[in-house]
Amino acid sequence: MKKEVAEWQLLLYIAGQTPKSIKALENIKKYAEEHLKGKYSIEIIDLLKNPQLAEGDQILAVPTLVRKFPEPIRKIIGDLSNEERVLVGLNIKPINA
C-alpha cells in the first residue's frame, strides 16, 4: 500500500518552548484543521536541538512557518496570530476572498 503524501507540507521552526513558539504551533494547528483538514502535515524543527537545520530553509528568526509544498516555498515569521495574514501568506485563501 502506497503511503499518502500530505498535499500541504508545513515546517515550523522554533527555538525551544517559548510562549511565541507554543502560540505559533497552536495557531497553525487550528488554521490547518479549519482549512486543510486531512490534507496537511506539520513538522516541528527545534533549532536549539538542531541548529544546522536553519541553513537549509534560510531561517533568520523564530518562530518561522515554511510551506514546503505545494511550491513555491513560502515563509511567515512570528506567532501566526493574524489568521487572515497566515492564510493569505500560505496561499490557502486568496486576498479579499
PDB file of N, CA and C in Angstrom:
ATOM      1  N   MET A   1       0.840  -1.189   0.000  1.00  0.00           N
ATOM      2  CA  MET A   1       0.000   0.000   0.000  1.00  0.00           C
ATOM      3  C   MET A   1       0.880   1.245   0.000  1.00  0.00           C
ATOM      4  N   LYS A   2       0.550   2.178  -0.871  1.00  0.00           N
ATOM      5  CA  LYS A   2       1.335   3.404  -1.004  1.00  0.00           C
ATOM      6  C   LYS A   2       1.039   4.354   0.146  1.00  0.00           C
ATOM      7  N   LYS A   3       2.080   4.968   0.692  1.00  0.00           N
ATOM      8  CA  LYS A   3       1.904   5.927   1.770  1.00  0.00           C
ATOM      9  C   LYS A   3       1.377   7.236   1.192  1.00  0.00           C
ATOM     10  N   GLU A   4       0.348   7.780   1.838  1.00  0.00           N
ATOM     11  CA  GLU A   4      -0.223   9.052   1.402  1.00  0.00           C
ATOM     12  C   GLU A   4       0.749  10.182   1.711  1.00  0.00           C
ATOM     13  N   VAL A   5       0.948  11.065   0.761  1.00  0.00           N
ATOM     14  CA  VAL A   5       1.777  12.247   0.979  1.00  0.00           C
ATOM     15  C   VAL A   5       0.833  13.426   1.164  1.00  0.00           C
ATOM     16  N   ALA A   6       1.066  14.190   2.220  1.00  0.00           N
ATOM     17  CA  ALA A   6       0.216  15.340   2.503  1.00  0.00           C
ATOM     18  C   ALA A   6       0.293  16.346   1.354  1.00  0.00           C
ATOM     19  N   GLU A   7      -0.856  16.912   1.009  1.00  0.00           N
ATOM     20  CA  GLU A   7      -0.891  17.918  -0.049  1.00  0.00           C
ATOM     21  C   GLU A   7      -0.205  19.204   0.401  1.00  0.00           C
ATOM     22  N   TRP A   8      -0.280  19.499   1.684  1.00  0.00           N
ATOM     23  CA  TRP A   8       0.325  20.687   2.259  1.00  0.00           C
ATOM     24  C   TRP A   8       1.364  20.248   3.270  1.00  0.00           C
ATOM     25  N   GLN A   9       2.632  20.535   3.001  1.00  0.00           N
ATOM     26  CA  GLN A   9       3.714  20.178   3.920  1.00  0.00           C
ATOM     27  C   GLN A   9       4.243  21.451   4.559  1.00  0.00           C
ATOM     28  N   LEU A  10       4.051  21.550   5.871  1.00  0.00           N
ATOM     29  CA  LEU A  10       4.433  22.739   6.613  1.00  0.00           C
ATOM     30  C   LEU A  10       5.534  22.402   7.607  1.00  0.00           C
ATOM     31  N   LEU A  11       6.498  23.297   7.745  1.00  0.00           N
ATOM     32  CA  LEU A  11       7.560  23.163   8.738  1.00  0.00           C
ATOM     33  C   LEU A  11       7.473  24.369   9.658  1.00  0.00           C
ATOM     34  N   LEU A  12       7.520  24.117  10.957  1.00  0.00           N
ATOM     35  CA  LEU A  12       7.529  25.219  11.918  1.00  0.00           C
ATOM     36  C   LEU A  12       8.866  25.202  12.642  1.00  0.00           C
ATOM     37  N   TYR A  13       9.656  26.230  12.403  1.00  0.00           N
ATOM     38  CA  TYR A  13      10.959  26.357  13.059  1.00  0.00           C
ATOM     39  C   TYR A  13      10.770  27.137  14.352  1.00  0.00           C
ATOM     40  N   ILE A  14      11.243  26.557  15.453  1.00  0.00           N
ATOM     41  CA  ILE A  14      11.160  27.204  16.758  1.00  0.00           C
ATOM     42  C   ILE A  14      12.533  27.124  17.433  1.00  0.00           C
ATOM     43  N   ALA A  15      12.660  27.806  18.580  1.00  0.00           N
ATOM     44  CA  ALA A  15      13.887  27.712  19.381  1.00  0.00           C
ATOM     45  C   ALA A  15      13.454  27.461  20.817  1.00  0.00           C
ATOM     46  N   GLY A  16      13.159  26.199  21.120  1.00  0.00           N
ATOM     47  CA  GLY A  16      12.696  25.841  22.459  1.00  0.00           C
ATOM     48  C   GLY A  16      11.209  26.121  22.636  1.00  0.00           C
ATOM     49  N   GLN A  17      10.738  25.860  23.833  1.00  0.00           N
ATOM     50  CA  GLN A  17       9.310  26.014  24.139  1.00  0.00           C
ATOM     51  C   GLN A  17       9.015  27.414  24.676  1.00  0.00           C
ATOM     52  N   THR A  18       9.242  28.414  23.852  1.00  0.00           N
ATOM     53  CA  THR A  18       8.946  29.788  24.261  1.00  0.00           C
ATOM     54  C   THR A  18       7.455  30.057  24.089  1.00  0.00           C
ATOM     55  N   PRO A  19       6.919  31.067  24.770  1.00  0.00           N
ATOM     56  CA  PRO A  19       5.492  31.386  24.583  1.00  0.00           C
ATOM     57  C   PRO A  19       5.134  31.652  23.124  1.00  0.00           C
ATOM     58  N   LYS A  20       6.009  32.351  22.386  1.00  0.00           N
ATOM     59  CA  LYS A  20       5.743  32.620  20.966  1.00  0.00           C
ATOM     60  C   LYS A  20       5.711  31.338  20.139  1.00  0.00           C
ATOM     61  N   SER A  21       6.632  30.425  20.428  1.00  0.00           N
ATOM     62  CA  SER A  21       6.680  29.151  19.698  1.00  0.00           C
ATOM     63  C   SER A  21       5.429  28.322  19.965  1.00  0.00           C
ATOM     64  N   ILE A  22       5.021  28.265  21.229  1.00  0.00           N
ATOM     65  CA  ILE A  22       3.831  27.497  21.604  1.00  0.00           C
ATOM     66  C   ILE A  22       2.600  28.094  20.932  1.00  0.00           C
ATOM     67  N   LYS A  23       2.494  29.419  20.943  1.00  0.00           N
ATOM     68  CA  LYS A  23       1.357  30.102  20.312  1.00  0.00           C
ATOM     69  C   LYS A  23       1.343  29.852  18.803  1.00  0.00           C
ATOM     70  N   ALA A  24       2.517  29.913  18.173  1.00  0.00           N
ATOM     71  CA  ALA A  24       2.597  29.672  16.731  1.00  0.00           C
ATOM     72  C   ALA A  24       2.110  28.270  16.390  1.00  0.00           C
ATOM     73  N   LEU A  25       2.518  27.274  17.185  1.00  0.00           N
ATOM     74  CA  LEU A  25       2.091  25.894  16.933  1.00  0.00           C
ATOM     75  C   LEU A  25       0.585  25.748  17.126  1.00  0.00           C
ATOM     76  N   GLU A  26       0.062  26.329  18.200  1.00  0.00           N
ATOM     77  CA  GLU A  26      -1.392  26.274  18.432  1.00  0.00           C
ATOM     78  C   GLU A  26      -2.143  26.908  17.267  1.00  0.00           C
ATOM     79  N   ASN A  27      -1.661  28.060  16.818  1.00  0.00           N
ATOM     80  CA  ASN A  27      -2.347  28.774  15.737  1.00  0.00           C
ATOM     81  C   ASN A  27      -2.322  27.998  14.430  1.00  0.00           C
ATOM     82  N   ILE A  28      -1.157  27.492  14.030  1.00  0.00           N
ATOM     83  CA  ILE A  28      -1.098  26.810  12.732  1.00  0.00           C
ATOM     84  C   ILE A  28      -1.897  25.504  12.773  1.00  0.00           C
ATOM     85  N   LYS A  29      -1.909  24.820  13.911  1.00  0.00           N
ATOM     86  CA  LYS A  29      -2.733  23.607  14.019  1.00  0.00           C
ATOM     87  C   LYS A  29      -4.211  23.949  13.854  1.00  0.00           C
ATOM     88  N   LYS A  30      -4.638  25.031  14.480  1.00  0.00           N
ATOM     89  CA  LYS A  30      -6.041  25.449  14.391  1.00  0.00           C
ATOM     90  C   LYS A  30      -6.409  25.807  12.952  1.00  0.00           C
ATOM     91  N   TYR A  31      -5.579  26.638  12.304  1.00  0.00           N
ATOM     92  CA  TYR A  31      -5.885  27.055  10.926  1.00  0.00           C
ATOM     93  C   TYR A  31      -5.876  25.858   9.979  1.00  0.00           C
ATOM     94  N   ALA A  32      -4.900  24.968  10.160  1.00  0.00           N
ATOM     95  CA  ALA A  32      -4.794  23.809   9.271  1.00  0.00           C
ATOM     96  C   ALA A  32      -6.011  22.902   9.420  1.00  0.00           C
ATOM     97  N   GLU A  33      -6.459  22.701  10.666  1.00  0.00           N
ATOM     98  CA  GLU A  33      -7.645  21.865  10.875  1.00  0.00           C
ATOM     99  C   GLU A  33      -8.884  22.497  10.250  1.00  0.00           C
ATOM    100  N   GLU A  34      -8.984  23.809  10.337  1.00  0.00           N
ATOM    101  CA  GLU A  34     -10.150  24.509   9.785  1.00  0.00           C
ATOM    102  C   GLU A  34     -10.143  24.535   8.258  1.00  0.00           C
ATOM    103  N   HIS A  35      -8.966  24.719   7.663  1.00  0.00           N
ATOM    104  CA  HIS A  35      -8.911  24.987   6.214  1.00  0.00           C
ATOM    105  C   HIS A  35      -8.281  23.871   5.379  1.00  0.00           C
ATOM    106  N   LEU A  36      -7.516  22.977   6.004  1.00  0.00           N
ATOM    107  CA  LEU A  36      -6.803  21.933   5.244  1.00  0.00           C
ATOM    108  C   LEU A  36      -7.029  20.546   5.830  1.00  0.00           C
ATOM    109  N   LYS A  37      -8.101  20.364   6.541  1.00  0.00           N
ATOM    110  CA  LYS A  37      -8.350  19.108   7.276  1.00  0.00           C
ATOM    111  C   LYS A  37      -8.063  17.876   6.423  1.00  0.00           C
ATOM    112  N   GLY A  38      -7.179  17.024   6.952  1.00  0.00           N
ATOM    113  CA  GLY A  38      -6.851  15.775   6.275  1.00  0.00           C
ATOM    114  C   GLY A  38      -5.882  15.910   5.113  1.00  0.00           C
ATOM    115  N   LYS A  39      -5.419  17.141   4.842  1.00  0.00           N
ATOM    116  CA  LYS A  39      -4.564  17.353   3.666  1.00  0.00           C
ATOM    117  C   LYS A  39      -3.219  17.977   4.015  1.00  0.00           C
ATOM    118  N   TYR A  40      -2.808  17.917   5.289  1.00  0.00           N
ATOM    119  CA  TYR A  40      -1.592  18.621   5.667  1.00  0.00           C
ATOM    120  C   TYR A  40      -0.740  17.803   6.633  1.00  0.00           C
ATOM    121  N   SER A  41       0.534  18.185   6.700  1.00  0.00           N
ATOM    122  CA  SER A  41       1.424  17.671   7.744  1.00  0.00           C
ATOM    123  C   SER A  41       2.203  18.869   8.286  1.00  0.00           C
ATOM    124  N   ILE A  42       2.467  18.839   9.590  1.00  0.00           N
ATOM    125  CA  ILE A  42       3.258  19.891  10.227  1.00  0.00           C
ATOM    126  C   ILE A  42       4.443  19.222  10.905  1.00  0.00           C
ATOM    127  N   GLU A  43       5.634  19.649  10.530  1.00  0.00           N
ATOM    128  CA  GLU A  43       6.850  19.149  11.163  1.00  0.00           C
ATOM    129  C   GLU A  43       7.423  20.275  12.015  1.00  0.00           C
ATOM    130  N   ILE A  44       7.719  19.972  13.279  1.00  0.00           N
ATOM    131  CA  ILE A  44       8.300  20.951  14.190  1.00  0.00           C
ATOM    132  C   ILE A  44       9.814  20.759  14.191  1.00  0.00           C
ATOM    133  N   ILE A  45      10.556  21.836  13.966  1.00  0.00           N
ATOM    134  CA  ILE A  45      12.015  21.766  13.976  1.00  0.00           C
ATOM    135  C   ILE A  45      12.518  22.729  15.046  1.00  0.00           C
ATOM    136  N   ASP A  46      13.078  22.151  16.111  1.00  0.00           N
ATOM    137  CA  ASP A  46      13.600  22.951  17.224  1.00  0.00           C
ATOM    138  C   ASP A  46      15.071  23.249  16.953  1.00  0.00           C
ATOM    139  N   LEU A  47      15.364  24.512  16.702  1.00  0.00           N
ATOM    140  CA  LEU A  47      16.725  24.896  16.343  1.00  0.00           C
ATOM    141  C   LEU A  47      17.684  24.879  17.533  1.00  0.00           C
ATOM    142  N   LEU A  48      17.150  24.774  18.747  1.00  0.00           N
ATOM    143  CA  LEU A  48      18.039  24.580  19.896  1.00  0.00           C
ATOM    144  C   LEU A  48      18.637  23.174  19.852  1.00  0.00           C
ATOM    145  N   LYS A  49      17.863  22.221  19.336  1.00  0.00           N
ATOM    146  CA  LYS A  49      18.323  20.832  19.230  1.00  0.00           C
ATOM    147  C   LYS A  49      19.069  20.576  17.925  1.00  0.00           C
ATOM    148  N   ASN A  50      18.649  21.236  16.851  1.00  0.00           N
ATOM    149  CA  ASN A  50      19.237  21.019  15.519  1.00  0.00           C
ATOM    150  C   ASN A  50      19.519  22.345  14.828  1.00  0.00           C
ATOM    151  N   PRO A  51      20.470  23.140  15.336  1.00  0.00           N
ATOM    152  CA  PRO A  51      20.711  24.465  14.746  1.00  0.00           C
ATOM    153  C   PRO A  51      21.144  24.427  13.286  1.00  0.00           C
ATOM    154  N   GLN A  52      21.778  23.344  12.859  1.00  0.00           N
ATOM    155  CA  GLN A  52      22.247  23.248  11.476  1.00  0.00           C
ATOM    156  C   GLN A  52      21.089  23.230  10.478  1.00  0.00           C
ATOM    157  N   LEU A  53      19.887  22.893  10.921  1.00  0.00           N
ATOM    158  CA  LEU A  53      18.740  22.825  10.005  1.00  0.00           C
ATOM    159  C   LEU A  53      18.252  24.213   9.576  1.00  0.00           C
ATOM    160  N   ALA A  54      18.670  25.255  10.273  1.00  0.00           N
ATOM    161  CA  ALA A  54      18.245  26.615   9.915  1.00  0.00           C
ATOM    162  C   ALA A  54      18.771  27.023   8.551  1.00  0.00           C
ATOM    163  N   GLU A  55      19.938  26.525   8.184  1.00  0.00           N
ATOM    164  CA  GLU A  55      20.558  26.920   6.918  1.00  0.00           C
ATOM    165  C   GLU A  55      19.761  26.488   5.705  1.00  0.00           C
ATOM    166  N   GLY A  56      19.236  25.275   5.725  1.00  0.00           N
ATOM    167  CA  GLY A  56      18.538  24.717   4.574  1.00  0.00           C
ATOM    168  C   GLY A  56      17.405  25.595   4.074  1.00  0.00           C
ATOM    169  N   ASP A  57      16.608  26.127   4.991  1.00  0.00           N
ATOM    170  CA  ASP A  57      15.492  26.990   4.610  1.00  0.00           C
ATOM    171  C   ASP A  57      15.792  28.460   4.874  1.00  0.00           C
ATOM    172  N   GLN A  58      17.058  28.774   5.153  1.00  0.00           N
ATOM    173  CA  GLN A  58      17.490  30.152   5.395  1.00  0.00           C
ATOM    174  C   GLN A  58      16.628  30.830   6.455  1.00  0.00           C
ATOM    175  N   ILE A  59      16.571  30.212   7.629  1.00  0.00           N
ATOM    176  CA  ILE A  59      15.772  30.729   8.738  1.00  0.00           C
ATOM    177  C   ILE A  59      16.591  31.760   9.498  1.00  0.00           C
ATOM    178  N   LEU A  60      16.082  32.976   9.578  1.00  0.00           N
ATOM    179  CA  LEU A  60      16.777  34.070  10.240  1.00  0.00           C
ATOM    180  C   LEU A  60      16.127  34.463  11.556  1.00  0.00           C
ATOM    181  N   ALA A  61      14.879  34.081  11.777  1.00  0.00           N
ATOM    182  CA  ALA A  61      14.155  34.420  13.000  1.00  0.00           C
ATOM    183  C   ALA A  61      13.224  33.263  13.333  1.00  0.00           C
ATOM    184  N   VAL A  62      12.847  33.160  14.607  1.00  0.00           N
ATOM    185  CA  VAL A  62      11.903  32.123  15.020  1.00  0.00           C
ATOM    186  C   VAL A  62      10.813  32.753  15.887  1.00  0.00           C
ATOM    187  N   PRO A  63       9.617  32.204  15.887  1.00  0.00           N
ATOM    188  CA  PRO A  63       9.192  31.086  15.043  1.00  0.00           C
ATOM    189  C   PRO A  63       8.996  31.506  13.587  1.00  0.00           C
ATOM    190  N   THR A  64       9.288  30.567  12.689  1.00  0.00           N
ATOM    191  CA  THR A  64       9.052  30.757  11.256  1.00  0.00           C
ATOM    192  C   THR A  64       8.315  29.540  10.721  1.00  0.00           C
ATOM    193  N   LEU A  65       7.237  29.795  10.005  1.00  0.00           N
ATOM    194  CA  LEU A  65       6.492  28.733   9.345  1.00  0.00           C
ATOM    195  C   LEU A  65       6.917  28.706   7.883  1.00  0.00           C
ATOM    196  N   VAL A  66       7.242  27.515   7.381  1.00  0.00           N
ATOM    197  CA  VAL A  66       7.640  27.350   5.984  1.00  0.00           C
ATOM    198  C   VAL A  66       6.667  26.394   5.313  1.00  0.00           C
ATOM    199  N   ARG A  67       6.114  26.823   4.179  1.00  0.00           N
ATOM    200  CA  ARG A  67       5.293  25.929   3.366  1.00  0.00           C
ATOM    201  C   ARG A  67       6.230  25.333   2.325  1.00  0.00           C
ATOM    202  N   LYS A  68       6.554  24.043   2.475  1.00  0.00           N
ATOM    203  CA  LYS A  68       7.444  23.349   1.541  1.00  0.00           C
ATOM    204  C   LYS A  68       6.698  22.918   0.292  1.00  0.00           C
ATOM    205  N   PHE A  69       5.463  22.498   0.483  1.00  0.00           N
ATOM    206  CA  PHE A  69       4.670  22.003  -0.632  1.00  0.00           C
ATOM    207  C   PHE A  69       3.223  22.377  -0.372  1.00  0.00           C
ATOM    208  N   PRO A  70       2.440  22.822  -1.304  1.00  0.00           N
ATOM    209  CA  PRO A  70       2.805  22.987  -2.712  1.00  0.00           C
ATOM    210  C   PRO A  70       3.780  24.138  -2.913  1.00  0.00           C
ATOM    211  N   GLU A  71       4.594  24.005  -3.950  1.00  0.00           N
ATOM    212  CA  GLU A  71       5.554  25.059  -4.270  1.00  0.00           C
ATOM    213  C   GLU A  71       4.818  26.244  -4.878  1.00  0.00           C
ATOM    214  N   PRO A  72       5.322  27.442  -4.850  1.00  0.00           N
ATOM    215  CA  PRO A  72       6.640  27.829  -4.356  1.00  0.00           C
ATOM    216  C   PRO A  72       6.678  27.842  -2.828  1.00  0.00           C
ATOM    217  N   ILE A  73       7.883  27.748  -2.294  1.00  0.00           N
ATOM    218  CA  ILE A  73       8.070  27.800  -0.851  1.00  0.00           C
ATOM    219  C   ILE A  73       7.670  29.181  -0.355  1.00  0.00           C
ATOM    220  N   ARG A  74       6.958  29.203   0.758  1.00  0.00           N
ATOM    221  CA  ARG A  74       6.551  30.474   1.370  1.00  0.00           C
ATOM    222  C   ARG A  74       6.931  30.442   2.840  1.00  0.00           C
ATOM    223  N   LYS A  75       7.230  31.617   3.414  1.00  0.00           N
ATOM    224  CA  LYS A  75       7.624  31.717   4.824  1.00  0.00           C
ATOM    225  C   LYS A  75       6.829  32.803   5.515  1.00  0.00           C
ATOM    226  N   ILE A  76       6.483  32.521   6.773  1.00  0.00           N
ATOM    227  CA  ILE A  76       5.810  33.513   7.614  1.00  0.00           C
ATOM    228  C   ILE A  76       6.527  33.502   8.960  1.00  0.00           C
ATOM    229  N   ILE A  77       6.944  34.677   9.414  1.00  0.00           N
ATOM    230  CA  ILE A  77       7.660  34.801  10.683  1.00  0.00           C
ATOM    231  C   ILE A  77       6.708  35.341  11.741  1.00  0.00           C
ATOM    232  N   GLY A  78       6.825  34.804  12.965  1.00  0.00           N
ATOM    233  CA  GLY A  78       6.036  35.312  14.088  1.00  0.00           C
ATOM    234  C   GLY A  78       5.168  34.230  14.698  1.00  0.00           C
ATOM    235  N   ASP A  79       4.268  34.644  15.602  1.00  0.00           N
ATOM    236  CA  ASP A  79       3.452  33.661  16.325  1.00  0.00           C
ATOM    237  C   ASP A  79       2.189  33.247  15.566  1.00  0.00           C
ATOM    238  N   LEU A  80       2.027  33.766  14.343  1.00  0.00           N
ATOM    239  CA  LEU A  80       0.937  33.361  13.444  1.00  0.00           C
ATOM    240  C   LEU A  80      -0.440  33.714  14.000  1.00  0.00           C
ATOM    241  N   SER A  81      -0.523  34.766  14.822  1.00  0.00           N
ATOM    242  CA  SER A  81      -1.789  35.108  15.463  1.00  0.00           C
ATOM    243  C   SER A  81      -2.772  35.807  14.523  1.00  0.00           C
ATOM    244  N   ASN A  82      -2.283  36.365  13.417  1.00  0.00           N
ATOM    245  CA  ASN A  82      -3.166  37.012  12.447  1.00  0.00           C
ATOM    246  C   ASN A  82      -3.591  35.979  11.403  1.00  0.00           C
ATOM    247  N   GLU A  83      -4.755  35.386  11.618  1.00  0.00           N
ATOM    248  CA  GLU A  83      -5.210  34.280  10.764  1.00  0.00           C
ATOM    249  C   GLU A  83      -5.294  34.686   9.296  1.00  0.00           C
ATOM    250  N   GLU A  84      -5.848  35.849   9.021  1.00  0.00           N
ATOM    251  CA  GLU A  84      -6.000  36.314   7.635  1.00  0.00           C
ATOM    252  C   GLU A  84      -4.630  36.385   6.944  1.00  0.00           C
ATOM    253  N   ARG A  85      -3.645  36.955   7.642  1.00  0.00           N
ATOM    254  CA  ARG A  85      -2.296  37.094   7.082  1.00  0.00           C
ATOM    255  C   ARG A  85      -1.664  35.728   6.819  1.00  0.00           C
ATOM    256  N   VAL A  86      -1.883  34.791   7.732  1.00  0.00           N
ATOM    257  CA  VAL A  86      -1.318  33.446   7.570  1.00  0.00           C
ATOM    258  C   VAL A  86      -1.963  32.747   6.375  1.00  0.00           C
ATOM    259  N   LEU A  87      -3.281  32.802   6.289  1.00  0.00           N
ATOM    260  CA  LEU A  87      -3.986  32.114   5.204  1.00  0.00           C
ATOM    261  C   LEU A  87      -3.627  32.697   3.838  1.00  0.00           C
ATOM    262  N   VAL A  88      -3.530  34.016   3.768  1.00  0.00           N
ATOM    263  CA  VAL A  88      -3.138  34.656   2.513  1.00  0.00           C
ATOM    264  C   VAL A  88      -1.659  34.370   2.228  1.00  0.00           C
ATOM    265  N   GLY A  89      -0.826  34.457   3.267  1.00  0.00           N
ATOM    266  CA  GLY A  89       0.609  34.220   3.110  1.00  0.00           C
ATOM    267  C   GLY A  89       0.935  32.816   2.630  1.00  0.00           C
ATOM    268  N   LEU A  90       0.159  31.839   3.093  1.00  0.00           N
ATOM    269  CA  LEU A  90       0.359  30.454   2.662  1.00  0.00           C
ATOM    270  C   LEU A  90      -0.375  30.155   1.362  1.00  0.00           C
ATOM    271  N   ASN A  91      -1.150  31.138   0.888  1.00  0.00           N
ATOM    272  CA  ASN A  91      -1.937  30.979  -0.323  1.00  0.00           C
ATOM    273  C   ASN A  91      -3.043  29.935  -0.150  1.00  0.00           C
ATOM    274  N   ILE A  92      -3.528  29.816   1.074  1.00  0.00           N
ATOM    275  CA  ILE A  92      -4.680  28.943   1.343  1.00  0.00           C
ATOM    276  C   ILE A  92      -5.947  29.703   0.945  1.00  0.00           C
ATOM    277  N   LYS A  93      -5.898  30.991   1.182  1.00  0.00           N
ATOM    278  CA  LYS A  93      -7.062  31.844   0.912  1.00  0.00           C
ATOM    279  C   LYS A  93      -6.591  33.035   0.099  1.00  0.00           C
ATOM    280  N   PRO A  94      -7.227  33.315  -1.024  1.00  0.00           N
ATOM    281  CA  PRO A  94      -6.825  34.480  -1.807  1.00  0.00           C
ATOM    282  C   PRO A  94      -7.129  35.779  -1.069  1.00  0.00           C
ATOM    283  N   ILE A  95      -6.466  36.839  -1.436  1.00  0.00           N
ATOM    284  CA  ILE A  95      -6.710  38.147  -0.841  1.00  0.00           C
ATOM    285  C   ILE A  95      -8.148  38.551  -1.122  1.00  0.00           C
ATOM    286  N   ASN A  96      -8.807  39.053  -0.084  1.00  0.00           N
ATOM    287  CA  ASN A  96     -10.214  39.517  -0.156  1.00  0.00           C
ATOM    288  C   ASN A  96     -11.170  38.417  -0.622  1.00  0.00           C
ATOM    289  N   ALA A  97     -10.933  37.189  -0.178  1.00  0.00           N
ATOM    290  CA  ALA A  97     -11.841  36.118  -0.590  1.00  0.00           C
ATOM    291  C   ALA A  97     -13.047  36.083   0.309  1.00  0.00           C
TER     292      ALA A  97
END
